[in-house]
Amino acid sequence: MWKDGQGADVTFSVGGQLFKAHRCLLAAWSLVFKAELLGPMKEKETHCIKIDDIDTQIFEALLHFIYTDSLIVDEHQKEGEIAKLQHLLVATDRYGLDRLNVMCESKLSECIDVETVATTLVLAEQHHCKDLKEACVEFMAPRNVLQAVMASDGFKHLVASCPLVMKELLDMVSRGG
C-alpha cells in the first residue's frame, strides 16, 4: 500500500520529495497524526501537508515503520546510522510513536561508544528516554571511559545542555561507578 500509493488520501511534501500515505493508518499509529489528519482542528484541505523540519530519509523511515512495523538499519554504515537513529528518535517523540521510540532507544543503546555517548545522552535527556539515558551513564561511569568521553566533541554540548545530568554522572563516578 505504501510503495504503490494505492488508496492514499494524503501527501506529505518533505524536502521537495512527495510521500503518499493513508490517513487512517497514520492515525492508528499516532495520536499526533490522528489530530492533524482527522481531528476537529484539521485544515479544510489537507491533501498535501508540507513538513519543513524533518529530513526526507527520516520521514521515509518513519513511514516505513508505520507501514511495516519494522526499523530499517544499515549495519555497514555505523556512523551514519547512529545519526539517523538519533534524528528518528526525535521524530518518534514529535509524533508519539512509542513503539518506534523503544526500538530506536534499543538500537542506540547497542551502538554507544566514546564518540557518540555524549550526544546520545543529551538526546535521551531531552526526549525522556530513561533506558537510553541509563545505558549512556553506565557506559560513561568508569573513570577511564569518562576521561576519553571528555575529550570528544559531544562532551561540551553535554555540559552546556544538561548540567543536571553532568551532576548525576559526577556523583556516580565519585561513588566509584
N, C-alpha and C. Protein backbone atom coordinates (compact mmCIF):
# COMPACT_ATOMS: atom_id res chain seq x y z
N MET A 1 0.81 -1.20 0.00
CA MET A 1 0.00 0.00 0.00
C MET A 1 0.86 1.26 0.00
N TRP A 2 1.96 1.22 0.76
CA TRP A 2 2.79 2.41 0.88
C TRP A 2 3.56 2.66 -0.40
N LYS A 3 4.22 1.66 -0.90
CA LYS A 3 5.08 1.83 -2.07
C LYS A 3 4.31 2.19 -3.34
N ASP A 4 3.14 1.56 -3.54
CA ASP A 4 2.41 1.87 -4.77
C ASP A 4 1.42 3.03 -4.58
N GLY A 5 1.17 3.43 -3.35
CA GLY A 5 0.31 4.58 -3.08
C GLY A 5 -1.16 4.35 -3.36
N GLN A 6 -1.54 3.11 -3.63
CA GLN A 6 -2.93 2.81 -3.96
C GLN A 6 -3.84 3.15 -2.77
N GLY A 7 -4.85 3.94 -3.03
CA GLY A 7 -5.80 4.32 -1.99
C GLY A 7 -5.31 5.42 -1.07
N ALA A 8 -4.13 5.95 -1.33
CA ALA A 8 -3.58 7.01 -0.49
C ALA A 8 -4.49 8.24 -0.56
N ASP A 9 -4.68 8.89 0.59
CA ASP A 9 -5.56 10.05 0.61
C ASP A 9 -4.92 11.29 1.22
N VAL A 10 -3.61 11.23 1.42
CA VAL A 10 -2.87 12.40 1.89
C VAL A 10 -1.45 12.31 1.32
N THR A 11 -0.87 13.46 1.06
CA THR A 11 0.50 13.52 0.56
C THR A 11 1.28 14.46 1.46
N PHE A 12 2.50 14.05 1.77
CA PHE A 12 3.40 14.90 2.54
C PHE A 12 4.51 15.37 1.62
N SER A 13 4.82 16.64 1.71
CA SER A 13 5.94 17.20 0.97
C SER A 13 7.05 17.44 1.99
N VAL A 14 8.13 16.67 1.85
CA VAL A 14 9.24 16.75 2.80
C VAL A 14 10.52 16.96 1.99
N GLY A 15 11.14 18.10 2.16
CA GLY A 15 12.38 18.40 1.44
C GLY A 15 12.22 18.30 -0.07
N GLY A 16 11.07 18.67 -0.57
CA GLY A 16 10.83 18.62 -2.01
C GLY A 16 10.42 17.25 -2.53
N GLN A 17 10.41 16.26 -1.68
CA GLN A 17 10.01 14.91 -2.08
C GLN A 17 8.58 14.65 -1.57
N LEU A 18 7.78 14.00 -2.40
CA LEU A 18 6.39 13.71 -2.03
C LEU A 18 6.24 12.28 -1.53
N PHE A 19 5.48 12.13 -0.44
CA PHE A 19 5.20 10.82 0.14
C PHE A 19 3.69 10.67 0.23
N LYS A 20 3.15 9.67 -0.44
CA LYS A 20 1.71 9.38 -0.36
C LYS A 20 1.47 8.45 0.83
N ALA A 21 0.35 8.69 1.51
CA ALA A 21 0.06 7.89 2.69
C ALA A 21 -1.45 7.76 2.88
N HIS A 22 -1.82 6.99 3.88
CA HIS A 22 -3.21 6.71 4.21
C HIS A 22 -3.52 7.27 5.59
N ARG A 23 -4.43 8.22 5.64
CA ARG A 23 -4.77 8.90 6.89
C ARG A 23 -5.09 7.93 8.03
N CYS A 24 -5.93 6.95 7.73
CA CYS A 24 -6.39 6.03 8.78
C CYS A 24 -5.24 5.25 9.40
N LEU A 25 -4.30 4.83 8.58
CA LEU A 25 -3.15 4.08 9.10
C LEU A 25 -2.26 4.98 9.96
N LEU A 26 -1.99 6.18 9.48
CA LEU A 26 -1.18 7.12 10.26
C LEU A 26 -1.87 7.44 11.58
N ALA A 27 -3.17 7.67 11.52
CA ALA A 27 -3.94 8.00 12.72
C ALA A 27 -3.98 6.84 13.71
N ALA A 28 -3.98 5.61 13.20
CA ALA A 28 -3.99 4.44 14.08
C ALA A 28 -2.69 4.32 14.87
N TRP A 29 -1.59 4.75 14.30
CA TRP A 29 -0.29 4.63 14.96
C TRP A 29 0.04 5.84 15.83
N SER A 30 -0.48 7.01 15.47
CA SER A 30 -0.03 8.23 16.12
C SER A 30 -1.20 9.15 16.46
N LEU A 31 -1.31 9.52 17.73
CA LEU A 31 -2.34 10.47 18.14
C LEU A 31 -2.09 11.84 17.53
N VAL A 32 -0.83 12.16 17.27
CA VAL A 32 -0.49 13.43 16.64
C VAL A 32 -1.02 13.45 15.21
N PHE A 33 -0.75 12.38 14.45
CA PHE A 33 -1.29 12.30 13.10
C PHE A 33 -2.82 12.27 13.14
N LYS A 34 -3.38 11.58 14.11
CA LYS A 34 -4.84 11.49 14.22
C LYS A 34 -5.44 12.89 14.38
N ALA A 35 -4.85 13.68 15.28
CA ALA A 35 -5.35 15.04 15.49
C ALA A 35 -5.15 15.90 14.24
N GLU A 36 -4.00 15.76 13.62
CA GLU A 36 -3.68 16.58 12.45
C GLU A 36 -4.52 16.21 11.23
N LEU A 37 -4.77 14.91 11.05
CA LEU A 37 -5.43 14.46 9.83
C LEU A 37 -6.93 14.22 9.96
N LEU A 38 -7.38 13.89 11.17
CA LEU A 38 -8.79 13.53 11.34
C LEU A 38 -9.53 14.38 12.36
N GLY A 39 -8.79 15.11 13.18
CA GLY A 39 -9.41 15.84 14.28
C GLY A 39 -10.14 17.10 13.85
N PRO A 40 -10.83 17.72 14.81
CA PRO A 40 -11.62 18.92 14.51
C PRO A 40 -10.76 20.13 14.11
N MET A 41 -9.47 20.12 14.45
CA MET A 41 -8.59 21.24 14.14
C MET A 41 -7.91 21.08 12.77
N LYS A 42 -8.24 20.00 12.07
CA LYS A 42 -7.58 19.78 10.77
C LYS A 42 -7.94 20.90 9.81
N GLU A 43 -7.00 21.17 8.91
CA GLU A 43 -7.25 22.17 7.89
C GLU A 43 -8.32 21.64 6.94
N LYS A 44 -9.02 22.56 6.31
CA LYS A 44 -10.08 22.17 5.36
C LYS A 44 -9.51 21.33 4.23
N GLU A 45 -8.34 21.69 3.76
CA GLU A 45 -7.74 20.99 2.62
C GLU A 45 -6.38 20.43 3.05
N THR A 46 -6.37 19.19 3.52
CA THR A 46 -5.11 18.61 3.98
C THR A 46 -4.68 17.46 3.07
N HIS A 47 -4.83 17.66 1.77
CA HIS A 47 -4.39 16.62 0.83
C HIS A 47 -2.87 16.62 0.68
N CYS A 48 -2.24 17.79 0.85
CA CYS A 48 -0.78 17.86 0.79
C CYS A 48 -0.29 18.68 1.98
N ILE A 49 0.47 18.02 2.82
CA ILE A 49 0.98 18.66 4.04
C ILE A 49 2.48 18.83 3.89
N LYS A 50 2.94 20.06 4.06
CA LYS A 50 4.36 20.35 3.94
C LYS A 50 5.01 20.25 5.31
N ILE A 51 6.11 19.50 5.36
CA ILE A 51 6.88 19.35 6.60
C ILE A 51 8.30 19.84 6.32
N ASP A 52 8.70 20.87 7.04
CA ASP A 52 9.99 21.51 6.76
C ASP A 52 11.13 21.05 7.68
N ASP A 53 10.80 20.53 8.84
CA ASP A 53 11.83 20.32 9.85
C ASP A 53 12.23 18.86 10.06
N ILE A 54 11.96 18.01 9.08
CA ILE A 54 12.41 16.61 9.14
C ILE A 54 13.09 16.28 7.82
N ASP A 55 14.20 15.60 7.90
CA ASP A 55 14.93 15.14 6.72
C ASP A 55 14.10 14.08 5.99
N THR A 56 14.22 14.05 4.67
CA THR A 56 13.44 13.09 3.88
C THR A 56 13.72 11.65 4.29
N GLN A 57 14.98 11.33 4.56
CA GLN A 57 15.35 9.97 4.97
C GLN A 57 14.67 9.58 6.28
N ILE A 58 14.58 10.53 7.19
CA ILE A 58 13.98 10.27 8.50
C ILE A 58 12.47 10.08 8.34
N PHE A 59 11.84 10.94 7.53
CA PHE A 59 10.40 10.80 7.32
C PHE A 59 10.08 9.48 6.62
N GLU A 60 10.93 9.11 5.67
CA GLU A 60 10.73 7.84 4.98
C GLU A 60 10.86 6.67 5.96
N ALA A 61 11.82 6.73 6.87
CA ALA A 61 12.00 5.68 7.88
C ALA A 61 10.79 5.63 8.81
N LEU A 62 10.23 6.79 9.12
CA LEU A 62 9.04 6.87 9.97
C LEU A 62 7.86 6.20 9.27
N LEU A 63 7.65 6.51 8.00
CA LEU A 63 6.57 5.88 7.23
C LEU A 63 6.82 4.38 7.05
N HIS A 64 8.07 4.02 6.81
CA HIS A 64 8.42 2.60 6.67
C HIS A 64 7.97 1.84 7.92
N PHE A 65 8.27 2.40 9.08
CA PHE A 65 7.85 1.76 10.34
C PHE A 65 6.33 1.65 10.42
N ILE A 66 5.63 2.75 10.13
CA ILE A 66 4.17 2.75 10.24
C ILE A 66 3.55 1.69 9.34
N TYR A 67 4.12 1.50 8.16
CA TYR A 67 3.54 0.53 7.21
C TYR A 67 4.04 -0.90 7.42
N THR A 68 5.22 -1.07 8.02
CA THR A 68 5.79 -2.43 8.11
C THR A 68 6.03 -2.90 9.54
N ASP A 69 5.93 -1.99 10.52
CA ASP A 69 6.23 -2.31 11.92
C ASP A 69 7.67 -2.81 12.05
N SER A 70 8.56 -2.23 11.25
CA SER A 70 9.98 -2.61 11.35
C SER A 70 10.85 -1.38 11.13
N LEU A 71 12.08 -1.51 11.56
CA LEU A 71 13.06 -0.43 11.50
C LEU A 71 14.11 -0.79 10.46
N ILE A 72 14.42 0.16 9.59
CA ILE A 72 15.47 -0.06 8.59
C ILE A 72 16.80 0.36 9.23
N VAL A 73 17.75 -0.55 9.29
CA VAL A 73 19.07 -0.23 9.83
C VAL A 73 20.12 -0.80 8.91
N ASP A 74 21.06 0.05 8.49
CA ASP A 74 22.17 -0.38 7.65
C ASP A 74 23.38 -0.62 8.55
N GLU A 75 23.64 -1.88 8.85
CA GLU A 75 24.72 -2.24 9.78
C GLU A 75 26.11 -1.86 9.25
N HIS A 76 26.24 -1.64 7.94
CA HIS A 76 27.55 -1.37 7.34
C HIS A 76 27.95 0.10 7.45
N GLN A 77 27.02 0.99 7.76
CA GLN A 77 27.34 2.41 7.88
C GLN A 77 27.01 2.87 9.29
N LYS A 78 27.81 2.41 10.24
CA LYS A 78 27.51 2.63 11.66
C LYS A 78 27.35 4.11 12.00
N GLU A 79 28.30 4.94 11.59
CA GLU A 79 28.25 6.35 11.98
C GLU A 79 27.01 7.04 11.42
N GLY A 80 26.71 6.82 10.16
CA GLY A 80 25.53 7.40 9.55
C GLY A 80 24.25 6.87 10.16
N GLU A 81 24.23 5.60 10.51
CA GLU A 81 23.04 5.00 11.11
C GLU A 81 22.78 5.54 12.51
N ILE A 82 23.83 5.81 13.26
CA ILE A 82 23.64 6.37 14.61
C ILE A 82 22.99 7.74 14.50
N ALA A 83 23.49 8.58 13.60
CA ALA A 83 22.89 9.90 13.40
C ALA A 83 21.44 9.77 12.95
N LYS A 84 21.18 8.83 12.04
CA LYS A 84 19.81 8.61 11.54
C LYS A 84 18.90 8.16 12.70
N LEU A 85 19.37 7.24 13.52
CA LEU A 85 18.59 6.77 14.66
C LEU A 85 18.33 7.91 15.66
N GLN A 86 19.33 8.77 15.85
CA GLN A 86 19.15 9.91 16.75
C GLN A 86 18.06 10.84 16.23
N HIS A 87 18.09 11.14 14.93
CA HIS A 87 17.06 12.01 14.33
C HIS A 87 15.70 11.33 14.34
N LEU A 88 15.70 10.03 14.12
CA LEU A 88 14.44 9.27 14.14
C LEU A 88 13.84 9.27 15.54
N LEU A 89 14.69 9.20 16.55
CA LEU A 89 14.23 9.25 17.94
C LEU A 89 13.50 10.57 18.20
N VAL A 90 14.05 11.66 17.70
CA VAL A 90 13.40 12.97 17.84
C VAL A 90 12.03 12.94 17.16
N ALA A 91 11.96 12.37 15.96
CA ALA A 91 10.69 12.29 15.22
C ALA A 91 9.67 11.42 15.95
N THR A 92 10.13 10.34 16.58
CA THR A 92 9.19 9.47 17.30
C THR A 92 8.58 10.21 18.48
N ASP A 93 9.37 11.06 19.10
CA ASP A 93 8.86 11.86 20.21
C ASP A 93 7.84 12.88 19.69
N ARG A 94 8.16 13.50 18.59
CA ARG A 94 7.26 14.51 17.99
C ARG A 94 5.91 13.91 17.59
N TYR A 95 5.93 12.72 17.03
CA TYR A 95 4.70 12.11 16.53
C TYR A 95 4.10 11.08 17.49
N GLY A 96 4.70 10.90 18.65
CA GLY A 96 4.12 10.00 19.65
C GLY A 96 4.12 8.54 19.22
N LEU A 97 5.18 8.12 18.56
CA LEU A 97 5.29 6.73 18.11
C LEU A 97 6.11 5.94 19.14
N ASP A 98 5.45 5.51 20.20
CA ASP A 98 6.13 4.91 21.34
C ASP A 98 6.89 3.64 20.99
N ARG A 99 6.29 2.78 20.19
CA ARG A 99 6.96 1.52 19.85
C ARG A 99 8.24 1.78 19.05
N LEU A 100 8.18 2.69 18.10
CA LEU A 100 9.37 3.04 17.33
C LEU A 100 10.41 3.71 18.23
N ASN A 101 9.94 4.49 19.19
CA ASN A 101 10.84 5.13 20.13
C ASN A 101 11.64 4.08 20.90
N VAL A 102 10.95 3.05 21.39
CA VAL A 102 11.62 1.97 22.13
C VAL A 102 12.63 1.25 21.23
N MET A 103 12.26 1.03 19.97
CA MET A 103 13.17 0.37 19.04
C MET A 103 14.43 1.22 18.79
N CYS A 104 14.24 2.52 18.64
CA CYS A 104 15.38 3.43 18.44
C CYS A 104 16.27 3.45 19.68
N GLU A 105 15.65 3.55 20.85
CA GLU A 105 16.41 3.53 22.11
C GLU A 105 17.25 2.27 22.20
N SER A 106 16.66 1.14 21.89
CA SER A 106 17.36 -0.14 21.98
C SER A 106 18.56 -0.18 21.03
N LYS A 107 18.34 0.22 19.78
CA LYS A 107 19.43 0.22 18.79
C LYS A 107 20.53 1.20 19.21
N LEU A 108 20.15 2.38 19.67
CA LEU A 108 21.15 3.37 20.09
C LEU A 108 21.93 2.87 21.30
N SER A 109 21.26 2.16 22.21
CA SER A 109 21.95 1.60 23.38
C SER A 109 23.03 0.61 22.96
N GLU A 110 22.77 -0.14 21.88
CA GLU A 110 23.75 -1.11 21.37
C GLU A 110 24.94 -0.43 20.70
N CYS A 111 24.76 0.80 20.25
CA CYS A 111 25.79 1.49 19.45
C CYS A 111 26.62 2.48 20.25
N ILE A 112 26.39 2.57 21.55
CA ILE A 112 27.10 3.57 22.35
C ILE A 112 28.60 3.33 22.27
N ASP A 113 29.33 4.42 22.00
CA ASP A 113 30.79 4.38 22.07
C ASP A 113 31.28 5.74 22.56
N VAL A 114 32.58 5.88 22.72
CA VAL A 114 33.16 7.10 23.28
C VAL A 114 32.78 8.34 22.46
N GLU A 115 32.72 8.21 21.16
CA GLU A 115 32.43 9.37 20.30
C GLU A 115 30.96 9.76 20.29
N THR A 116 30.05 8.83 20.50
CA THR A 116 28.62 9.14 20.37
C THR A 116 27.87 9.24 21.69
N VAL A 117 28.46 8.80 22.78
CA VAL A 117 27.72 8.70 24.04
C VAL A 117 27.23 10.06 24.54
N ALA A 118 28.01 11.10 24.41
CA ALA A 118 27.61 12.41 24.94
C ALA A 118 26.40 12.97 24.19
N THR A 119 26.42 12.92 22.87
CA THR A 119 25.28 13.44 22.11
C THR A 119 24.05 12.56 22.30
N THR A 120 24.27 11.27 22.43
CA THR A 120 23.15 10.35 22.67
C THR A 120 22.54 10.62 24.04
N LEU A 121 23.37 10.92 25.02
CA LEU A 121 22.88 11.23 26.36
C LEU A 121 22.06 12.52 26.36
N VAL A 122 22.50 13.52 25.62
CA VAL A 122 21.74 14.77 25.51
C VAL A 122 20.35 14.47 24.93
N LEU A 123 20.31 13.70 23.86
CA LEU A 123 19.03 13.33 23.25
C LEU A 123 18.14 12.56 24.21
N ALA A 124 18.73 11.60 24.92
CA ALA A 124 17.97 10.80 25.87
C ALA A 124 17.35 11.69 26.94
N GLU A 125 18.10 12.65 27.41
CA GLU A 125 17.60 13.57 28.43
C GLU A 125 16.49 14.46 27.86
N GLN A 126 16.71 15.02 26.68
CA GLN A 126 15.74 15.95 26.09
C GLN A 126 14.43 15.27 25.71
N HIS A 127 14.50 13.98 25.38
CA HIS A 127 13.30 13.28 24.91
C HIS A 127 12.81 12.22 25.88
N HIS A 128 13.26 12.32 27.14
CA HIS A 128 12.75 11.50 28.24
C HIS A 128 12.89 10.00 27.97
N CYS A 129 14.06 9.60 27.50
CA CYS A 129 14.34 8.19 27.20
C CYS A 129 15.14 7.61 28.36
N LYS A 130 14.43 7.15 29.37
CA LYS A 130 15.04 6.69 30.63
C LYS A 130 16.06 5.56 30.41
N ASP A 131 15.68 4.55 29.65
CA ASP A 131 16.57 3.40 29.45
C ASP A 131 17.84 3.78 28.69
N LEU A 132 17.69 4.62 27.68
CA LEU A 132 18.85 5.07 26.91
C LEU A 132 19.76 5.94 27.76
N LYS A 133 19.17 6.79 28.57
CA LYS A 133 19.96 7.64 29.48
C LYS A 133 20.76 6.76 30.43
N GLU A 134 20.10 5.76 31.01
CA GLU A 134 20.78 4.84 31.93
C GLU A 134 21.95 4.14 31.25
N ALA A 135 21.73 3.67 30.03
CA ALA A 135 22.79 2.97 29.29
C ALA A 135 23.97 3.90 29.04
N CYS A 136 23.70 5.15 28.71
CA CYS A 136 24.78 6.12 28.46
C CYS A 136 25.57 6.40 29.74
N VAL A 137 24.85 6.64 30.82
CA VAL A 137 25.51 6.95 32.09
C VAL A 137 26.35 5.77 32.56
N GLU A 138 25.81 4.56 32.44
CA GLU A 138 26.58 3.38 32.84
C GLU A 138 27.83 3.21 31.98
N PHE A 139 27.71 3.49 30.69
CA PHE A 139 28.85 3.39 29.79
C PHE A 139 29.93 4.39 30.19
N MET A 140 29.53 5.60 30.57
CA MET A 140 30.48 6.67 30.89
C MET A 140 31.06 6.60 32.30
N ALA A 141 30.43 5.85 33.17
CA ALA A 141 30.79 5.88 34.60
C ALA A 141 32.24 5.51 34.92
N PRO A 142 32.83 4.49 34.29
CA PRO A 142 34.23 4.20 34.62
C PRO A 142 35.13 5.39 34.30
N ARG A 143 36.03 5.71 35.21
CA ARG A 143 36.87 6.92 35.07
C ARG A 143 37.63 6.97 33.75
N ASN A 144 38.20 5.85 33.33
CA ASN A 144 38.97 5.88 32.08
C ASN A 144 38.08 6.17 30.87
N VAL A 145 36.84 5.67 30.90
CA VAL A 145 35.90 5.94 29.80
C VAL A 145 35.48 7.41 29.85
N LEU A 146 35.16 7.90 31.04
CA LEU A 146 34.74 9.28 31.18
C LEU A 146 35.82 10.23 30.68
N GLN A 147 37.08 9.94 30.98
CA GLN A 147 38.18 10.79 30.50
C GLN A 147 38.21 10.82 28.98
N ALA A 148 38.02 9.68 28.35
CA ALA A 148 38.00 9.63 26.88
C ALA A 148 36.80 10.39 26.33
N VAL A 149 35.65 10.26 26.98
CA VAL A 149 34.44 10.97 26.53
C VAL A 149 34.64 12.48 26.67
N MET A 150 35.30 12.90 27.74
CA MET A 150 35.54 14.33 27.96
C MET A 150 36.37 14.95 26.84
N ALA A 151 37.12 14.14 26.13
CA ALA A 151 37.93 14.64 25.02
C ALA A 151 37.15 14.65 23.70
N SER A 152 35.91 14.15 23.72
CA SER A 152 35.12 14.07 22.49
C SER A 152 34.44 15.40 22.18
N ASP A 153 34.02 15.55 20.94
CA ASP A 153 33.34 16.78 20.50
C ASP A 153 31.99 16.97 21.19
N GLY A 154 31.29 15.90 21.44
CA GLY A 154 29.95 16.00 22.00
C GLY A 154 29.92 16.37 23.48
N PHE A 155 31.06 16.25 24.16
CA PHE A 155 31.06 16.48 25.60
C PHE A 155 30.73 17.93 25.97
N LYS A 156 31.27 18.90 25.22
CA LYS A 156 30.98 20.32 25.51
C LYS A 156 29.47 20.58 25.39
N HIS A 157 28.86 19.98 24.38
CA HIS A 157 27.41 20.11 24.18
C HIS A 157 26.66 19.51 25.37
N LEU A 158 27.12 18.39 25.87
CA LEU A 158 26.50 17.74 27.02
C LEU A 158 26.58 18.65 28.25
N VAL A 159 27.75 19.22 28.50
CA VAL A 159 27.93 20.09 29.66
C VAL A 159 27.01 21.31 29.56
N ALA A 160 26.94 21.91 28.38
CA ALA A 160 26.12 23.11 28.19
C ALA A 160 24.63 22.79 28.23
N SER A 161 24.24 21.66 27.67
CA SER A 161 22.82 21.34 27.53
C SER A 161 22.19 20.69 28.74
N CYS A 162 22.96 19.90 29.46
CA CYS A 162 22.38 19.08 30.53
C CYS A 162 23.23 19.12 31.80
N PRO A 163 23.27 20.27 32.46
CA PRO A 163 24.11 20.35 33.68
C PRO A 163 23.67 19.40 34.78
N LEU A 164 22.37 19.12 34.89
CA LEU A 164 21.91 18.19 35.93
C LEU A 164 22.36 16.76 35.64
N VAL A 165 22.42 16.40 34.38
CA VAL A 165 22.91 15.07 34.01
C VAL A 165 24.39 14.97 34.36
N MET A 166 25.12 16.05 34.12
CA MET A 166 26.55 16.05 34.47
C MET A 166 26.72 15.85 35.97
N LYS A 167 25.87 16.49 36.77
CA LYS A 167 25.94 16.31 38.22
C LYS A 167 25.68 14.85 38.59
N GLU A 168 24.65 14.24 37.98
CA GLU A 168 24.37 12.82 38.23
C GLU A 168 25.57 11.96 37.88
N LEU A 169 26.16 12.24 36.75
CA LEU A 169 27.30 11.46 36.28
C LEU A 169 28.49 11.61 37.22
N LEU A 170 28.79 12.84 37.61
CA LEU A 170 29.92 13.08 38.53
C LEU A 170 29.67 12.44 39.89
N ASP A 171 28.43 12.49 40.36
CA ASP A 171 28.09 11.83 41.63
C ASP A 171 28.35 10.32 41.52
N MET A 172 27.96 9.75 40.40
CA MET A 172 28.13 8.31 40.19
C MET A 172 29.61 7.94 40.13
N VAL A 173 30.41 8.76 39.42
CA VAL A 173 31.85 8.49 39.30
C VAL A 173 32.52 8.64 40.67
N SER A 174 32.13 9.65 41.42
CA SER A 174 32.76 9.87 42.72
C SER A 174 32.44 8.75 43.71
N ARG A 175 31.31 8.06 43.51
CA ARG A 175 30.95 6.92 44.35
C ARG A 175 31.66 5.65 43.89
N GLY A 176 32.33 5.75 42.75
CA GLY A 176 33.06 4.59 42.24
C GLY A 176 32.27 3.77 41.27
N GLY A 177 31.28 4.39 40.55
CA GLY A 177 30.53 3.69 39.50
C GLY A 177 29.24 3.17 39.93
